[in-house]
Amino acid sequence: MTKEQALAVFENYKIRRMYDEKSGIWFFSVVDIIAALIQQPDFQAARNYWKVLKNRLKKEGSESVTKCNQLKLETADGKKYLTAGDIPK
């Protein structure tokens, strides 16, 4: 994991992130942030929570969900997969 992809830690929850040098923007994993906010150590449960929340927000007409991009971030097994959703911060 490079400096541009270093983990941020929030109350013992690891938040995956990626820095885009071209735009100068940090991108954070929404699922990791949700896991920290709802204090859910199980990744799959946090991912399902985000899926349900995202669908509800879309039905309400929220445009913030449409600005979420999938990024390839490193997982616990060291491999890179597309995340469930990321937003720039």
C-alpha atoms as a PDB file:
ATOM      1  CA  MET A   1       0.000   0.000   0.000  1.00  0.00           C
ATOM      2  CA  THR A   2       1.517   3.312  -1.055  1.00  0.00           C
ATOM      3  CA  LYS A   3       1.367   6.662   0.696  1.00  0.00           C
ATOM      4  CA  GLU A   4      -1.410   7.646  -1.705  1.00  0.00           C
ATOM      5  CA  GLN A   5      -3.464   4.662  -0.503  1.00  0.00           C
ATOM      6  CA  ALA A   6      -2.618   4.750   3.207  1.00  0.00           C
ATOM      7  CA  LEU A   7      -5.310   3.826   5.685  1.00  0.00           C
ATOM      8  CA  ALA A   8      -6.935   6.447   7.830  1.00  0.00           C
ATOM      9  CA  VAL A   9      -7.949   5.289  11.296  1.00  0.00           C
ATOM     10  CA  PHE A  10     -11.088   6.473  13.047  1.00  0.00           C
ATOM     11  CA  GLU A  11     -11.883   5.018  16.477  1.00  0.00           C
ATOM     12  CA  ASN A  12     -10.040   1.782  15.638  1.00  0.00           C
ATOM     13  CA  TYR A  13     -11.810   1.400  12.273  1.00  0.00           C
ATOM     14  CA  LYS A  14      -9.585   1.393   9.217  1.00  0.00           C
ATOM     15  CA  ILE A  15     -10.834   3.673   6.449  1.00  0.00           C
ATOM     16  CA  ARG A  16      -9.408   2.895   3.026  1.00  0.00           C
ATOM     17  CA  ARG A  17      -8.562   5.919   0.934  1.00  0.00           C
ATOM     18  CA  MET A  18      -6.872   6.872  -2.298  1.00  0.00           C
ATOM     19  CA  TYR A  19      -5.291  10.141  -3.378  1.00  0.00           C
ATOM     20  CA  ASP A  20      -5.714  11.298  -6.964  1.00  0.00           C
ATOM     21  CA  GLU A  21      -2.691  13.441  -7.780  1.00  0.00           C
ATOM     22  CA  LYS A  22      -4.250  14.699 -10.998  1.00  0.00           C
ATOM     23  CA  SER A  23      -7.192  16.338  -9.249  1.00  0.00           C
ATOM     24  CA  GLY A  24      -5.605  16.705  -5.809  1.00  0.00           C
ATOM     25  CA  ILE A  25      -8.573  14.951  -4.159  1.00  0.00           C
ATOM     26  CA  TRP A  26      -8.724  12.229  -1.511  1.00  0.00           C
ATOM     27  CA  PHE A  27     -11.313   9.470  -2.044  1.00  0.00           C
ATOM     28  CA  PHE A  28     -12.593   7.502   0.960  1.00  0.00           C
ATOM     29  CA  SER A  29     -14.427   4.185   1.105  1.00  0.00           C
ATOM     30  CA  VAL A  30     -18.072   4.843   1.941  1.00  0.00           C
ATOM     31  CA  VAL A  31     -18.502   1.310   3.281  1.00  0.00           C
ATOM     32  CA  ASP A  32     -15.561   1.741   5.655  1.00  0.00           C
ATOM     33  CA  ILE A  33     -16.957   5.059   6.887  1.00  0.00           C
ATOM     34  CA  ILE A  34     -20.400   3.533   7.422  1.00  0.00           C
ATOM     35  CA  ALA A  35     -18.849   0.617   9.339  1.00  0.00           C
ATOM     36  CA  ALA A  36     -17.187   3.119  11.677  1.00  0.00           C
ATOM     37  CA  LEU A  37     -20.313   5.246  12.094  1.00  0.00           C
ATOM     38  CA  ILE A  38     -22.626   2.348  12.915  1.00  0.00           C
ATOM     39  CA  GLN A  39     -19.833   0.566  14.821  1.00  0.00           C
ATOM     40  CA  GLN A  40     -20.158  -2.542  12.673  1.00  0.00           C
ATOM     41  CA  PRO A  41     -16.984  -4.660  12.480  1.00  0.00           C
ATOM     42  CA  ASP A  42     -18.534  -6.984   9.864  1.00  0.00           C
ATOM     43  CA  PHE A  43     -17.731  -5.648   6.385  1.00  0.00           C
ATOM     44  CA  GLN A  44     -20.624  -7.482   4.728  1.00  0.00           C
ATOM     45  CA  ALA A  45     -23.163  -5.997   7.173  1.00  0.00           C
ATOM     46  CA  ALA A  46     -21.801  -2.487   6.540  1.00  0.00           C
ATOM     47  CA  ARG A  47     -21.895  -3.119   2.793  1.00  0.00           C
ATOM     48  CA  ASN A  48     -25.552  -4.228   2.998  1.00  0.00           C
ATOM     49  CA  TYR A  49     -26.379  -1.167   5.115  1.00  0.00           C
ATOM     50  CA  TRP A  50     -24.879   1.086   2.425  1.00  0.00           C
ATOM     51  CA  LYS A  51     -26.751  -0.768  -0.328  1.00  0.00           C
ATOM     52  CA  VAL A  52     -30.124  -0.247   1.390  1.00  0.00           C
ATOM     53  CA  LEU A  53     -29.324   3.375   2.294  1.00  0.00           C
ATOM     54  CA  LYS A  54     -28.180   4.161  -1.253  1.00  0.00           C
ATOM     55  CA  ASN A  55     -31.389   2.758  -2.727  1.00  0.00           C
ATOM     56  CA  ARG A  56     -33.514   4.776  -0.303  1.00  0.00           C
ATOM     57  CA  LEU A  57     -31.601   7.962  -1.114  1.00  0.00           C
ATOM     58  CA  LYS A  58     -31.999   7.362  -4.858  1.00  0.00           C
ATOM     59  CA  LYS A  59     -35.754   6.905  -4.441  1.00  0.00           C
ATOM     60  CA  GLU A  60     -35.884  10.220  -2.552  1.00  0.00           C
ATOM     61  CA  GLY A  61     -34.084  11.911  -5.442  1.00  0.00           C
ATOM     62  CA  SER A  62     -30.773  12.521  -3.678  1.00  0.00           C
ATOM     63  CA  GLU A  63     -28.078  13.498  -6.161  1.00  0.00           C
ATOM     64  CA  SER A  64     -25.202  12.819  -3.754  1.00  0.00           C
ATOM     65  CA  VAL A  65     -25.511   9.086  -4.418  1.00  0.00           C
ATOM     66  CA  THR A  66     -25.103   9.563  -8.168  1.00  0.00           C
ATOM     67  CA  LYS A  67     -21.683  11.138  -7.553  1.00  0.00           C
ATOM     68  CA  CYS A  68     -20.292   7.973  -5.933  1.00  0.00           C
ATOM     69  CA  ASN A  69     -17.635   6.197  -7.972  1.00  0.00           C
ATOM     70  CA  GLN A  70     -16.245   2.721  -7.581  1.00  0.00           C
ATOM     71  CA  LEU A  71     -12.508   2.522  -6.997  1.00  0.00           C
ATOM     72  CA  LYS A  72     -10.118  -0.383  -6.756  1.00  0.00           C
ATOM     73  CA  LEU A  73      -8.986  -0.409  -3.134  1.00  0.00           C
ATOM     74  CA  GLU A  74      -6.906  -3.014  -1.333  1.00  0.00           C
ATOM     75  CA  THR A  75      -8.779  -5.469   0.873  1.00  0.00           C
ATOM     76  CA  ALA A  76      -7.666  -7.443   3.925  1.00  0.00           C
ATOM     77  CA  ASP A  77      -6.368 -10.252   1.689  1.00  0.00           C
ATOM     78  CA  GLY A  78      -4.033  -7.819  -0.083  1.00  0.00           C
ATOM     79  CA  LYS A  79      -5.906  -7.921  -3.387  1.00  0.00           C
ATOM     80  CA  LYS A  80      -7.584  -4.963  -5.035  1.00  0.00           C
ATOM     81  CA  TYR A  81     -11.305  -5.033  -5.781  1.00  0.00           C
ATOM     82  CA  LEU A  82     -13.871  -2.471  -6.840  1.00  0.00           C
ATOM     83  CA  THR A  83     -15.452  -1.030  -3.732  1.00  0.00           C
ATOM     84  CA  ALA A  84     -19.152  -0.765  -3.124  1.00  0.00           C
ATOM     85  CA  GLY A  85     -18.984   3.017  -3.452  1.00  0.00           C
ATOM     86  CA  ASP A  86     -16.645   5.902  -2.790  1.00  0.00           C
ATOM     87  CA  ILE A  87     -17.055   9.616  -2.554  1.00  0.00           C
ATOM     88  CA  PRO A  88     -14.438  12.349  -2.825  1.00  0.00           C
ATOM     89  CA  LYS A  89     -13.687  14.458   0.239  1.00  0.00           C
END
